Every structure is written in C-alpha cells, then in structure tokens.
Protein backbone atom coordinates (compact mmCIF):
# COMPACT_ATOMS: atom_id res chain seq x y z
CA MET A 1 107.95 70.65 114.95
CA SER A 2 107.35 72.00 111.49
CA ARG A 3 104.17 69.99 111.09
CA LYS A 4 101.02 70.59 113.08
CA ASN A 5 99.49 67.68 115.00
CA VAL A 6 102.54 65.46 114.54
CA GLU A 7 104.49 64.55 117.66
CA ARG A 8 107.90 62.94 118.10
CA GLY A 9 107.77 59.27 117.07
CA GLN A 10 104.67 59.53 114.87
CA ILE A 11 104.56 58.83 111.17
CA THR A 12 102.24 60.17 108.49
CA LEU A 13 101.08 58.39 105.38
CA HIS A 14 100.48 60.34 102.19
CA PRO A 15 99.05 58.01 99.51
CA GLY A 16 100.32 58.54 95.98
CA GLY A 17 98.61 61.25 94.00
CA ILE A 18 97.64 63.40 96.97
CA PRO A 19 99.60 66.66 96.68
CA HIS A 20 100.49 68.63 99.78
CA GLY A 21 102.81 71.35 100.93
CA PRO A 22 103.67 73.02 104.21
CA HIS A 23 100.97 73.34 106.82
CA PRO A 24 99.30 76.76 106.89
CA GLY A 25 101.47 79.22 108.82
CA THR A 26 104.66 77.13 108.88
CA VAL A 27 106.38 79.09 106.14
CA GLU A 28 105.77 82.35 107.99
CA LYS A 29 106.92 80.75 111.25
CA SER A 30 110.22 79.71 109.63
CA ILE A 31 111.24 83.20 108.52
CA GLY A 32 114.52 84.04 110.22
CA ALA A 33 114.97 80.55 111.68
CA LYS A 34 118.44 79.05 111.30
CA GLU A 35 117.49 75.41 111.97
CA THR A 36 114.62 73.18 113.10
CA LYS A 37 116.49 70.46 115.04
CA GLU A 38 114.27 67.80 113.52
CA LEU A 39 114.69 65.02 111.00
CA ALA A 40 112.16 63.95 108.40
CA VAL A 41 112.47 60.80 106.31
CA MET A 42 110.43 60.15 103.18
CA ILE A 43 110.07 56.66 101.77
CA ASP A 44 108.98 56.31 98.15
CA THR A 45 108.05 52.70 97.41
CA PHE A 46 107.65 50.84 94.18
CA LYS A 47 104.88 48.72 95.65
CA PRO A 48 102.05 49.84 97.93
CA LEU A 49 102.48 49.73 101.69
CA TRP A 50 99.64 48.13 103.59
CA LEU A 51 98.65 49.10 107.12
CA THR A 52 98.46 46.33 109.71
CA GLU A 53 95.49 45.80 112.00
CA ASP A 54 97.56 47.19 114.89
CA ALA A 55 98.41 50.35 112.93
CA LEU A 56 94.75 50.89 112.09
CA LYS A 57 93.88 50.70 115.80
CA ILE A 58 96.17 53.65 116.65
CA SER A 59 95.46 55.74 113.55
CA ASP A 60 94.57 59.40 114.16
CA ASP A 61 91.40 59.84 112.14
CA THR A 62 91.51 63.62 112.63
CA TYR A 63 94.99 64.16 111.10
CA TYR A 64 93.53 65.38 107.80
CA LYS A 65 92.03 68.35 109.67
CA SER A 66 95.54 69.59 110.50
CA TRP A 67 95.74 70.95 106.95
CA MET A 68 92.78 73.26 107.53
CA HIS A 69 93.26 76.90 108.45
CA GLU A 70 92.36 77.60 112.06
C-alpha cells in the first residue's frame, strides 16, 4: 500500500482545509515502480459528511501519527 497504517478495506477522512501529501518515504519507495496494484477513490462533497456512532467506535485515533517521520 502506498499509505502507511492503512489496510485493505479502511477509509481515511481528511476534513476540508487540511493539506497533505504523500507519507514520508513513499515517494522514494515508488522510484522505479511500474504499478501499485491498488485503487484509491476520493469523494469531494458539497455538504459535510458526518460520522455515525458506529464509525466513531472503530476510529483509529492514532492515524494522525502515520504522517510523522519514524
């Protein structure tokens, strides 16, 4: 996977106004690669999305740390 700490079937939520780019080290890891064999879908909404109670129960509260250099 091109993103750290994201497994098959997970989704990430990036609220509007929070800029981000590739995880540290992923650009270097991709040099010479021909393909990733993965699919990413981005949804840009006109109205805010709200998390359900069930989604909040399974939220990974440490995901933000995946952007930090190791």
